[in-house]
N, C-alpha and C. Protein backbone atom coordinates (compact mmCIF):
# COMPACT_ATOMS: atom_id res chain seq x y z
N MET A 1 101.29 138.15 101.05
CA MET A 1 101.49 136.98 101.91
C MET A 1 100.19 136.24 102.18
N THR A 2 99.07 136.78 101.68
CA THR A 2 97.81 136.10 101.96
C THR A 2 97.47 135.05 100.91
N GLN A 3 98.26 134.96 99.83
CA GLN A 3 97.96 134.01 98.78
C GLN A 3 98.49 132.62 99.13
N PRO A 4 97.73 131.56 98.79
CA PRO A 4 98.22 130.20 99.05
C PRO A 4 99.43 129.90 98.18
N LEU A 5 100.25 128.96 98.65
CA LEU A 5 101.46 128.61 97.91
C LEU A 5 101.16 127.72 96.72
N THR A 6 100.07 126.95 96.78
CA THR A 6 99.68 126.09 95.66
C THR A 6 98.20 126.28 95.38
N GLU A 7 97.79 125.91 94.19
CA GLU A 7 96.39 126.05 93.79
C GLU A 7 95.50 125.14 94.63
N ARG A 8 94.35 125.65 94.99
CA ARG A 8 93.42 124.90 95.82
C ARG A 8 92.49 124.05 94.96
N PRO A 9 92.27 122.77 95.32
CA PRO A 9 91.29 121.97 94.60
C PRO A 9 89.88 122.39 95.00
N ARG A 10 88.90 121.87 94.29
CA ARG A 10 87.49 122.20 94.58
C ARG A 10 86.97 121.31 95.70
N VAL A 11 87.39 121.61 96.90
CA VAL A 11 86.98 120.85 98.09
C VAL A 11 86.66 121.85 99.20
N PRO A 12 85.92 121.43 100.23
CA PRO A 12 85.68 122.33 101.37
C PRO A 12 86.98 122.73 102.04
N ILE A 13 87.14 124.02 102.28
CA ILE A 13 88.35 124.56 102.90
C ILE A 13 87.97 125.28 104.18
N ILE A 14 88.70 125.02 105.25
CA ILE A 14 88.44 125.65 106.54
C ILE A 14 89.62 126.53 106.91
N THR A 15 89.36 127.78 107.26
CA THR A 15 90.40 128.69 107.76
C THR A 15 89.96 129.25 109.10
N VAL A 16 90.85 129.21 110.08
CA VAL A 16 90.55 129.72 111.42
C VAL A 16 91.69 130.61 111.88
N GLY A 17 91.39 131.47 112.82
CA GLY A 17 92.40 132.29 113.46
C GLY A 17 92.82 131.67 114.78
N LEU A 18 94.11 131.46 114.97
CA LEU A 18 94.61 130.89 116.22
C LEU A 18 94.81 132.00 117.25
N ARG A 19 94.85 131.60 118.52
CA ARG A 19 94.98 132.56 119.62
C ARG A 19 96.19 132.21 120.46
N PRO A 20 96.89 133.21 121.00
CA PRO A 20 98.02 132.91 121.87
C PRO A 20 97.54 132.47 123.26
N HIS A 21 98.29 131.56 123.87
CA HIS A 21 97.98 131.17 125.25
C HIS A 21 98.13 132.40 126.15
N PRO A 22 97.29 132.53 127.18
CA PRO A 22 97.36 133.71 128.05
C PRO A 22 98.74 133.95 128.66
N THR A 23 99.57 132.91 128.79
CA THR A 23 100.91 133.09 129.34
C THR A 23 101.91 133.57 128.30
N SER A 24 101.52 133.60 127.02
CA SER A 24 102.44 134.04 125.97
C SER A 24 102.67 135.54 126.04
N PRO A 25 103.91 135.99 125.77
CA PRO A 25 104.17 137.43 125.79
C PRO A 25 103.31 138.16 124.77
N GLY A 26 102.71 139.25 125.19
CA GLY A 26 101.87 140.03 124.30
C GLY A 26 100.45 139.54 124.17
N ALA A 27 100.08 138.46 124.89
CA ALA A 27 98.74 137.89 124.76
C ALA A 27 97.66 138.86 125.24
N GLU A 28 98.04 139.77 126.12
CA GLU A 28 97.04 140.70 126.66
C GLU A 28 96.65 141.78 125.66
N ALA A 29 97.39 141.89 124.56
CA ALA A 29 97.08 142.89 123.54
C ALA A 29 97.09 142.24 122.16
N PRO A 30 96.04 141.46 121.84
CA PRO A 30 95.99 140.74 120.56
C PRO A 30 96.19 141.68 119.38
N GLY A 31 97.03 141.24 118.44
CA GLY A 31 97.28 142.02 117.25
C GLY A 31 98.32 143.09 117.41
N GLN A 32 98.76 143.34 118.64
CA GLN A 32 99.74 144.40 118.90
C GLN A 32 101.15 143.85 119.16
N GLY A 33 101.29 142.54 119.22
CA GLY A 33 102.58 141.95 119.50
C GLY A 33 103.39 141.71 118.23
N LEU A 34 104.39 140.85 118.34
CA LEU A 34 105.23 140.56 117.18
C LEU A 34 104.45 139.81 116.11
N VAL A 35 103.48 139.01 116.53
CA VAL A 35 102.61 138.29 115.60
C VAL A 35 101.29 139.03 115.51
N GLY A 36 101.00 139.59 114.35
CA GLY A 36 99.74 140.30 114.19
C GLY A 36 98.55 139.36 114.12
N ARG A 37 98.61 138.43 113.17
CA ARG A 37 97.58 137.41 113.01
C ARG A 37 98.24 136.09 112.65
N LEU A 38 97.66 135.00 113.17
CA LEU A 38 98.13 133.67 112.80
C LEU A 38 96.91 132.88 112.33
N LEU A 39 96.86 132.62 111.04
CA LEU A 39 95.73 131.93 110.43
C LEU A 39 96.15 130.51 110.04
N ALA A 40 95.24 129.57 110.20
CA ALA A 40 95.50 128.18 109.82
C ALA A 40 94.39 127.71 108.89
N THR A 41 94.77 127.05 107.83
CA THR A 41 93.85 126.55 106.82
C THR A 41 94.07 125.06 106.64
N MET A 42 92.98 124.32 106.41
CA MET A 42 93.13 122.88 106.15
C MET A 42 92.06 122.43 105.17
N PHE A 43 92.40 121.40 104.39
CA PHE A 43 91.42 120.76 103.52
C PHE A 43 91.92 119.37 103.15
N ALA A 44 90.96 118.46 102.97
CA ALA A 44 91.29 117.09 102.55
C ALA A 44 91.50 117.08 101.04
N LEU A 45 92.44 116.26 100.59
CA LEU A 45 92.70 116.11 99.17
C LEU A 45 91.80 115.03 98.58
N PRO A 46 91.30 115.23 97.37
CA PRO A 46 90.40 114.24 96.76
C PRO A 46 91.04 112.86 96.64
N GLU A 47 92.36 112.82 96.46
CA GLU A 47 93.05 111.54 96.31
C GLU A 47 93.47 110.93 97.64
N GLY A 48 93.06 111.56 98.75
CA GLY A 48 93.49 111.12 100.08
C GLY A 48 94.55 112.04 100.63
N GLY A 49 94.73 112.05 101.94
CA GLY A 49 95.66 112.98 102.54
C GLY A 49 95.03 114.34 102.76
N ALA A 50 95.82 115.31 103.15
CA ALA A 50 95.30 116.64 103.46
C ALA A 50 96.41 117.67 103.37
N VAL A 51 96.02 118.92 103.28
CA VAL A 51 96.95 120.05 103.27
C VAL A 51 96.64 120.94 104.47
N PHE A 52 97.71 121.37 105.13
CA PHE A 52 97.60 122.28 106.27
C PHE A 52 98.50 123.48 106.00
N GLU A 53 97.93 124.67 106.12
CA GLU A 53 98.68 125.90 105.86
C GLU A 53 98.61 126.82 107.08
N PHE A 54 99.74 127.41 107.43
CA PHE A 54 99.82 128.36 108.53
C PHE A 54 100.38 129.67 107.98
N ARG A 55 99.74 130.78 108.37
CA ARG A 55 100.14 132.09 107.87
C ARG A 55 100.27 133.10 109.01
N LEU A 56 101.41 133.72 109.10
CA LEU A 56 101.59 134.88 109.97
C LEU A 56 101.44 136.12 109.10
N GLU A 57 100.53 137.01 109.50
CA GLU A 57 100.30 138.24 108.75
C GLU A 57 100.46 139.44 109.67
N ASP A 58 100.82 140.58 109.07
CA ASP A 58 101.00 141.83 109.83
C ASP A 58 101.91 141.60 111.04
N SER A 59 103.00 140.89 110.81
CA SER A 59 103.89 140.48 111.90
C SER A 59 105.29 141.06 111.70
N ARG A 60 106.02 141.18 112.81
CA ARG A 60 107.39 141.69 112.77
C ARG A 60 108.35 140.50 112.70
N VAL A 61 108.45 139.95 111.51
CA VAL A 61 109.19 138.70 111.32
C VAL A 61 110.66 138.86 111.68
N ALA A 62 111.23 140.03 111.49
CA ALA A 62 112.65 140.25 111.80
C ALA A 62 112.95 140.03 113.28
N GLN A 63 111.93 140.11 114.14
CA GLN A 63 112.13 139.91 115.57
C GLN A 63 111.77 138.49 116.02
N LEU A 64 111.46 137.63 115.05
CA LEU A 64 111.16 136.24 115.35
C LEU A 64 112.35 135.36 114.95
N ALA A 65 112.51 134.26 115.67
CA ALA A 65 113.58 133.31 115.36
C ALA A 65 113.01 132.24 114.44
N ILE A 66 113.37 132.30 113.17
CA ILE A 66 112.86 131.37 112.16
C ILE A 66 113.98 130.39 111.80
N PRO A 67 113.77 129.09 111.97
CA PRO A 67 114.82 128.12 111.65
C PRO A 67 115.30 128.27 110.20
N ALA A 68 116.60 128.17 110.03
CA ALA A 68 117.20 128.28 108.70
C ALA A 68 116.91 127.02 107.88
N PRO A 69 116.94 127.13 106.57
CA PRO A 69 116.71 125.95 105.73
C PRO A 69 117.68 124.82 106.08
N ALA A 70 117.16 123.61 106.07
CA ALA A 70 117.95 122.42 106.35
C ALA A 70 117.54 121.33 105.37
N LYS A 71 118.28 120.26 105.34
CA LYS A 71 117.94 119.15 104.46
C LYS A 71 116.59 118.59 104.88
N PRO A 72 115.61 118.53 103.98
CA PRO A 72 114.30 118.01 104.35
C PRO A 72 114.39 116.58 104.87
N GLY A 73 113.63 116.30 105.91
CA GLY A 73 113.63 114.97 106.48
C GLY A 73 113.16 114.98 107.91
N PRO A 74 113.03 113.82 108.53
CA PRO A 74 112.55 113.74 109.90
C PRO A 74 113.57 114.26 110.89
N ALA A 75 113.08 114.91 111.95
CA ALA A 75 113.94 115.44 113.01
C ALA A 75 113.12 115.56 114.28
N ASP A 76 113.74 115.33 115.42
CA ASP A 76 113.05 115.43 116.70
C ASP A 76 113.23 116.82 117.31
N GLU A 77 112.38 117.12 118.27
CA GLU A 77 112.43 118.34 119.07
C GLU A 77 112.31 119.61 118.23
N LEU A 78 111.57 119.53 117.15
CA LEU A 78 111.33 120.73 116.34
C LEU A 78 110.52 121.76 117.11
N TRP A 79 109.73 121.30 118.08
CA TRP A 79 108.88 122.18 118.88
C TRP A 79 109.70 123.08 119.81
N LYS A 80 111.00 122.85 119.91
CA LYS A 80 111.84 123.73 120.74
C LYS A 80 112.15 125.05 120.04
N HIS A 81 111.71 125.17 118.80
CA HIS A 81 111.90 126.41 118.02
C HIS A 81 110.59 126.69 117.28
N THR A 82 110.57 127.71 116.45
CA THR A 82 109.35 128.01 115.70
C THR A 82 108.94 126.79 114.90
N CYS A 83 107.70 126.36 115.11
CA CYS A 83 107.22 125.10 114.55
C CYS A 83 105.70 125.15 114.46
N PHE A 84 105.16 124.54 113.42
CA PHE A 84 103.71 124.47 113.24
C PHE A 84 103.26 123.03 113.41
N GLU A 85 102.15 122.84 114.13
CA GLU A 85 101.77 121.51 114.56
C GLU A 85 100.31 121.19 114.21
N VAL A 86 100.09 119.92 113.90
CA VAL A 86 98.76 119.41 113.61
C VAL A 86 98.56 118.15 114.44
N PHE A 87 97.37 118.00 115.00
CA PHE A 87 96.99 116.80 115.76
C PHE A 87 95.72 116.24 115.14
N LEU A 88 95.72 114.93 114.86
CA LEU A 88 94.58 114.28 114.23
C LEU A 88 94.19 113.04 115.02
N CYS A 89 92.88 112.81 115.14
CA CYS A 89 92.41 111.59 115.78
C CYS A 89 91.04 111.22 115.23
N ALA A 90 90.70 109.95 115.37
CA ALA A 90 89.36 109.49 115.01
C ALA A 90 88.44 109.73 116.20
N PRO A 91 87.24 110.22 116.00
CA PRO A 91 86.31 110.47 117.11
C PRO A 91 86.11 109.22 117.96
N GLY A 92 86.20 109.40 119.28
CA GLY A 92 85.98 108.30 120.20
C GLY A 92 87.17 107.41 120.43
N GLU A 93 88.25 107.62 119.70
CA GLU A 93 89.45 106.80 119.87
C GLU A 93 90.46 107.52 120.76
N PRO A 94 91.12 106.82 121.68
CA PRO A 94 92.09 107.49 122.55
C PRO A 94 93.40 107.85 121.85
N GLY A 95 93.73 107.13 120.80
CA GLY A 95 94.99 107.38 120.10
C GLY A 95 94.90 108.57 119.16
N TYR A 96 96.04 109.14 118.82
CA TYR A 96 96.08 110.28 117.91
C TYR A 96 97.48 110.41 117.31
N ARG A 97 97.62 111.27 116.34
CA ARG A 97 98.92 111.54 115.73
C ARG A 97 99.26 113.01 115.84
N GLU A 98 100.54 113.24 116.01
CA GLU A 98 101.08 114.60 116.08
C GLU A 98 102.02 114.81 114.91
N TYR A 99 101.88 115.95 114.25
CA TYR A 99 102.71 116.31 113.11
C TYR A 99 103.41 117.64 113.41
N ASN A 100 104.70 117.68 113.26
CA ASN A 100 105.49 118.90 113.44
C ASN A 100 106.08 119.32 112.10
N PHE A 101 105.90 120.58 111.74
CA PHE A 101 106.42 121.10 110.48
C PHE A 101 107.27 122.34 110.76
N SER A 102 108.53 122.29 110.40
CA SER A 102 109.44 123.41 110.66
C SER A 102 109.65 124.22 109.38
N PRO A 103 109.82 125.54 109.51
CA PRO A 103 110.20 126.35 108.35
C PRO A 103 111.52 125.89 107.73
N SER A 104 112.31 125.13 108.46
CA SER A 104 113.58 124.62 107.93
C SER A 104 113.36 123.58 106.84
N GLY A 105 112.13 123.01 106.77
CA GLY A 105 111.86 121.92 105.86
C GLY A 105 111.88 120.57 106.54
N GLN A 106 112.29 120.54 107.80
CA GLN A 106 112.28 119.30 108.57
C GLN A 106 110.89 119.04 109.14
N TRP A 107 110.64 117.79 109.52
CA TRP A 107 109.31 117.42 110.00
C TRP A 107 109.41 116.25 110.96
N ALA A 108 108.31 115.99 111.66
CA ALA A 108 108.21 114.84 112.55
C ALA A 108 106.76 114.39 112.61
N VAL A 109 106.57 113.08 112.72
CA VAL A 109 105.22 112.51 112.90
C VAL A 109 105.31 111.50 114.03
N TYR A 110 104.44 111.64 115.02
CA TYR A 110 104.44 110.77 116.19
C TYR A 110 103.08 110.12 116.36
N GLY A 111 103.08 108.86 116.80
CA GLY A 111 101.85 108.17 117.15
C GLY A 111 101.70 108.09 118.65
N PHE A 112 100.48 108.30 119.14
CA PHE A 112 100.19 108.22 120.57
C PHE A 112 99.02 107.27 120.78
N ARG A 113 99.10 106.45 121.80
CA ARG A 113 97.99 105.53 122.12
C ARG A 113 96.97 106.18 123.03
N ALA A 114 97.38 107.23 123.75
CA ALA A 114 96.51 108.01 124.63
C ALA A 114 97.25 109.30 124.94
N TRP A 115 96.66 110.14 125.79
CA TRP A 115 97.24 111.46 126.09
C TRP A 115 98.70 111.33 126.51
N ARG A 116 99.58 111.83 125.66
CA ARG A 116 101.03 111.87 125.86
C ARG A 116 101.66 110.49 126.08
N GLU A 117 100.95 109.42 125.73
CA GLU A 117 101.52 108.07 125.78
C GLU A 117 102.02 107.72 124.37
N ARG A 118 103.26 108.03 124.12
CA ARG A 118 103.82 107.90 122.78
C ARG A 118 104.10 106.44 122.42
N ILE A 119 103.81 106.09 121.18
CA ILE A 119 104.13 104.76 120.64
C ILE A 119 105.58 104.83 120.15
N GLU A 120 106.50 104.29 120.93
CA GLU A 120 107.91 104.48 120.68
C GLU A 120 108.38 103.87 119.36
N ASP A 121 107.74 102.78 118.92
CA ASP A 121 108.19 102.13 117.70
C ASP A 121 107.39 102.57 116.47
N TYR A 122 106.62 103.66 116.59
CA TYR A 122 105.88 104.15 115.44
C TYR A 122 106.85 104.68 114.39
N VAL A 123 106.67 104.25 113.15
CA VAL A 123 107.52 104.69 112.04
C VAL A 123 106.62 105.27 110.94
N PRO A 124 106.79 106.54 110.58
CA PRO A 124 105.96 107.13 109.52
C PRO A 124 106.10 106.34 108.22
N ALA A 125 104.97 106.12 107.54
CA ALA A 125 104.97 105.32 106.33
C ALA A 125 105.30 106.14 105.08
N ALA A 126 105.40 107.44 105.22
CA ALA A 126 105.70 108.32 104.09
C ALA A 126 106.23 109.64 104.65
N ALA A 127 106.51 110.56 103.76
CA ALA A 127 107.03 111.86 104.18
C ALA A 127 106.10 112.97 103.70
N PRO A 128 105.85 113.97 104.54
CA PRO A 128 105.06 115.12 104.08
C PRO A 128 105.92 116.01 103.18
N GLU A 129 105.25 116.87 102.45
CA GLU A 129 105.94 117.87 101.63
C GLU A 129 105.71 119.24 102.26
N ILE A 130 106.77 119.99 102.49
CA ILE A 130 106.67 121.30 103.14
C ILE A 130 107.11 122.39 102.17
N LEU A 131 106.29 123.42 102.02
CA LEU A 131 106.63 124.62 101.26
C LEU A 131 106.65 125.79 102.22
N PHE A 132 107.62 126.68 102.05
CA PHE A 132 107.75 127.80 102.99
C PHE A 132 108.13 129.07 102.24
N SER A 133 107.50 130.17 102.63
CA SER A 133 107.80 131.47 102.04
C SER A 133 107.78 132.52 103.15
N GLN A 134 108.70 133.47 103.08
CA GLN A 134 108.83 134.48 104.14
C GLN A 134 109.00 135.87 103.53
N ALA A 135 108.38 136.87 104.18
CA ALA A 135 108.52 138.26 103.78
C ALA A 135 108.75 139.09 105.04
N ASP A 136 108.87 140.42 104.88
CA ASP A 136 109.14 141.28 106.03
C ASP A 136 108.00 141.28 107.04
N ASP A 137 106.77 141.13 106.55
CA ASP A 137 105.61 141.27 107.43
C ASP A 137 104.84 139.98 107.64
N GLY A 138 105.39 138.85 107.20
CA GLY A 138 104.67 137.60 107.39
C GLY A 138 105.40 136.41 106.81
N LEU A 139 104.79 135.26 106.97
CA LEU A 139 105.34 134.04 106.40
C LEU A 139 104.20 133.05 106.17
N VAL A 140 104.47 132.08 105.30
CA VAL A 140 103.49 131.04 105.00
C VAL A 140 104.21 129.70 105.00
N LEU A 141 103.67 128.74 105.73
CA LEU A 141 104.14 127.36 105.66
C LEU A 141 102.97 126.48 105.26
N GLU A 142 103.20 125.67 104.23
CA GLU A 142 102.19 124.73 103.78
C GLU A 142 102.75 123.32 103.86
N ALA A 143 101.99 122.43 104.47
CA ALA A 143 102.40 121.03 104.60
C ALA A 143 101.36 120.15 103.92
N ARG A 144 101.84 119.34 102.99
CA ARG A 144 100.97 118.39 102.29
C ARG A 144 101.22 117.01 102.88
N VAL A 145 100.20 116.46 103.53
CA VAL A 145 100.32 115.19 104.23
C VAL A 145 99.70 114.08 103.38
N PRO A 146 100.48 113.10 102.94
CA PRO A 146 99.91 112.04 102.11
C PRO A 146 99.00 111.13 102.91
N ALA A 147 98.16 110.39 102.19
CA ALA A 147 97.19 109.52 102.85
C ALA A 147 97.85 108.50 103.77
N GLU A 148 99.07 108.07 103.41
CA GLU A 148 99.77 107.06 104.22
C GLU A 148 100.11 107.55 105.62
N LEU A 149 100.13 108.87 105.80
CA LEU A 149 100.46 109.44 107.11
C LEU A 149 99.24 109.77 107.95
N MET A 150 98.07 109.67 107.36
CA MET A 150 96.84 110.03 108.08
C MET A 150 96.39 108.87 108.96
N PRO A 151 95.65 109.13 110.04
CA PRO A 151 95.04 108.05 110.81
C PRO A 151 94.16 107.18 109.92
N VAL A 152 94.16 105.89 110.16
CA VAL A 152 93.39 104.97 109.32
C VAL A 152 91.93 104.99 109.74
N VAL A 153 91.08 105.48 108.87
CA VAL A 153 89.63 105.52 109.10
C VAL A 153 88.95 105.19 107.78
N PRO A 154 87.70 104.74 107.80
CA PRO A 154 86.98 104.49 106.55
C PRO A 154 86.89 105.75 105.71
N ALA A 155 86.94 105.59 104.38
CA ALA A 155 86.84 106.73 103.48
C ALA A 155 85.58 107.53 103.78
N GLY A 156 85.72 108.85 103.82
CA GLY A 156 84.60 109.73 104.10
C GLY A 156 84.36 109.98 105.57
N SER A 157 85.15 109.34 106.45
CA SER A 157 84.98 109.54 107.89
C SER A 157 85.55 110.90 108.32
N ASP A 158 85.04 111.40 109.43
CA ASP A 158 85.56 112.65 109.99
C ASP A 158 86.75 112.38 110.89
N LEU A 159 87.67 113.32 110.89
CA LEU A 159 88.77 113.32 111.85
C LEU A 159 88.65 114.56 112.72
N GLN A 160 88.98 114.42 114.00
CA GLN A 160 89.05 115.57 114.88
C GLN A 160 90.45 116.17 114.79
N VAL A 161 90.51 117.49 114.78
CA VAL A 161 91.76 118.18 114.46
C VAL A 161 92.05 119.29 115.46
N SER A 162 93.32 119.44 115.79
CA SER A 162 93.81 120.62 116.49
C SER A 162 94.98 121.19 115.68
N LEU A 163 94.98 122.49 115.48
CA LEU A 163 96.04 123.19 114.76
C LEU A 163 96.73 124.13 115.73
N ALA A 164 98.06 124.13 115.73
CA ALA A 164 98.79 124.89 116.74
C ALA A 164 100.13 125.37 116.19
N ALA A 165 100.75 126.27 116.94
CA ALA A 165 102.06 126.78 116.53
C ALA A 165 102.85 127.21 117.75
N VAL A 166 104.14 126.95 117.69
CA VAL A 166 105.11 127.49 118.64
C VAL A 166 105.89 128.57 117.89
N VAL A 167 105.91 129.78 118.42
CA VAL A 167 106.63 130.88 117.79
C VAL A 167 107.74 131.33 118.73
N GLU A 168 108.97 131.17 118.28
CA GLU A 168 110.12 131.60 119.08
C GLU A 168 110.51 133.02 118.70
N ARG A 169 110.73 133.84 119.71
CA ARG A 169 111.15 135.22 119.49
C ARG A 169 112.66 135.34 119.69
N LYS A 170 113.26 136.31 119.05
CA LYS A 170 114.70 136.49 119.18
C LYS A 170 115.11 136.94 120.57
N ASP A 171 114.15 137.39 121.39
CA ASP A 171 114.47 137.76 122.77
C ASP A 171 114.46 136.54 123.69
N GLY A 172 114.24 135.34 123.11
CA GLY A 172 114.28 134.11 123.88
C GLY A 172 112.94 133.66 124.43
N GLN A 173 111.91 134.47 124.26
CA GLN A 173 110.58 134.09 124.74
C GLN A 173 109.83 133.29 123.67
N PHE A 174 108.79 132.57 124.12
CA PHE A 174 108.01 131.74 123.22
C PHE A 174 106.54 132.12 123.29
N GLU A 175 105.88 132.04 122.15
CA GLU A 175 104.44 132.20 122.08
C GLU A 175 103.82 130.87 121.65
N TYR A 176 102.69 130.51 122.28
CA TYR A 176 102.03 129.24 121.99
C TYR A 176 100.61 129.54 121.49
N TRP A 177 100.35 129.16 120.25
CA TRP A 177 99.10 129.51 119.59
C TRP A 177 98.29 128.27 119.24
N THR A 178 97.00 128.31 119.47
CA THR A 178 96.08 127.29 119.00
C THR A 178 94.68 127.89 118.99
N LEU A 179 93.69 127.11 118.59
CA LEU A 179 92.34 127.65 118.50
C LEU A 179 91.68 127.77 119.86
N ARG A 180 91.98 126.81 120.75
CA ARG A 180 91.35 126.81 122.07
C ARG A 180 92.37 126.36 123.11
N HIS A 181 92.51 127.14 124.17
CA HIS A 181 93.40 126.79 125.27
C HIS A 181 92.55 126.35 126.46
N VAL A 182 92.92 125.21 127.08
CA VAL A 182 92.08 124.64 128.14
C VAL A 182 92.83 124.42 129.44
N ALA A 183 94.12 124.77 129.49
CA ALA A 183 94.91 124.51 130.69
C ALA A 183 95.70 125.76 131.08
N ALA A 184 96.14 125.78 132.34
CA ALA A 184 96.89 126.93 132.84
C ALA A 184 98.21 127.11 132.10
N GLN A 185 98.78 125.99 131.64
CA GLN A 185 99.99 126.01 130.83
C GLN A 185 99.66 125.48 129.44
N PRO A 186 100.39 125.90 128.42
CA PRO A 186 100.08 125.42 127.06
C PRO A 186 100.12 123.90 126.99
N ASP A 187 99.10 123.30 126.39
CA ASP A 187 99.04 121.84 126.22
C ASP A 187 98.32 121.54 124.92
N PHE A 188 99.10 121.41 123.84
CA PHE A 188 98.51 121.12 122.54
C PHE A 188 97.95 119.70 122.47
N HIS A 189 98.33 118.82 123.41
CA HIS A 189 97.86 117.44 123.38
C HIS A 189 96.48 117.27 124.02
N ALA A 190 96.00 118.26 124.72
CA ALA A 190 94.70 118.14 125.41
C ALA A 190 93.59 117.87 124.40
N ARG A 191 92.85 116.79 124.61
CA ARG A 191 91.84 116.42 123.63
C ARG A 191 90.72 117.45 123.53
N ASP A 192 90.52 118.25 124.55
CA ASP A 192 89.51 119.30 124.48
C ASP A 192 89.87 120.38 123.47
N THR A 193 91.10 120.35 122.96
CA THR A 193 91.50 121.34 121.95
C THR A 193 91.31 120.83 120.53
N PHE A 194 90.92 119.54 120.39
CA PHE A 194 90.69 118.97 119.05
C PHE A 194 89.27 119.36 118.62
N VAL A 195 89.07 120.62 118.31
CA VAL A 195 87.72 121.15 118.12
C VAL A 195 87.33 121.31 116.65
N LEU A 196 88.23 121.04 115.72
CA LEU A 196 87.91 121.15 114.30
C LEU A 196 87.61 119.77 113.73
N THR A 197 86.90 119.75 112.62
CA THR A 197 86.54 118.49 111.96
C THR A 197 87.00 118.53 110.51
N LEU A 198 87.70 117.48 110.11
CA LEU A 198 88.15 117.34 108.73
C LEU A 198 87.51 116.08 108.15
N ALA A 199 86.71 116.24 107.11
CA ALA A 199 86.11 115.09 106.44
C ALA A 199 87.10 114.53 105.43
N THR A 200 87.44 113.27 105.55
CA THR A 200 88.40 112.66 104.64
C THR A 200 87.75 112.42 103.29
N ALA A 201 88.58 112.12 102.29
CA ALA A 201 88.06 111.88 100.94
C ALA A 201 87.11 110.69 100.95
N THR A 202 86.06 110.78 100.15
CA THR A 202 85.07 109.71 100.10
C THR A 202 85.56 108.48 99.33
N HIS A 203 86.63 108.66 98.55
CA HIS A 203 87.21 107.54 97.82
C HIS A 203 88.66 107.88 97.49
N LYS A 204 89.43 106.88 97.18
CA LYS A 204 90.81 107.07 96.77
C LYS A 204 90.87 107.08 95.25
N ALA A 205 91.72 107.96 94.75
CA ALA A 205 91.89 108.03 93.29
C ALA A 205 92.56 106.77 92.77
N ASP A 206 92.22 106.37 91.53
CA ASP A 206 92.82 105.18 90.92
C ASP A 206 94.26 105.47 90.51
């Protein structure tokens, strides 16, 4: 389960380990809960866009609620079940984008003008591609985000990134994972959690 779903290009790749929010069940004993490890990987594509991969390893997947396969396409409220999330913004800008990727193959992309101020008429200009694989002790979800879905910045500019996950358990409880938690309750939108940097492609392919 540690192998990527697709071949990696020769670009800088970042992999980090996410942490459960202190209010999540089992957070007091890292590695001993239903989720052993949750790793997130990201890299920019040379032709524009980016790939984001989430991996659960050494986990008791049979005790997790994993959405069943569905027709790929946009869907709302994916975060109410097991879902992997990406947040992107340009440094110094109040606006940002939220991406939701479900193991079902469904997805959502939202535009925000500021913290939780959603742009209601935002319409995604393209669709991401989602690949998903599951085993007894883990799962892998890979989302390929085309350039048309990325925040508009000059080629080669950095984007600030937050990677997160909602994990639903079959007992009805939820775990909230990200790299940095800054509030008493889980808040993936908090800009203080956008602690990673993704350098966009320096040029677009012809």
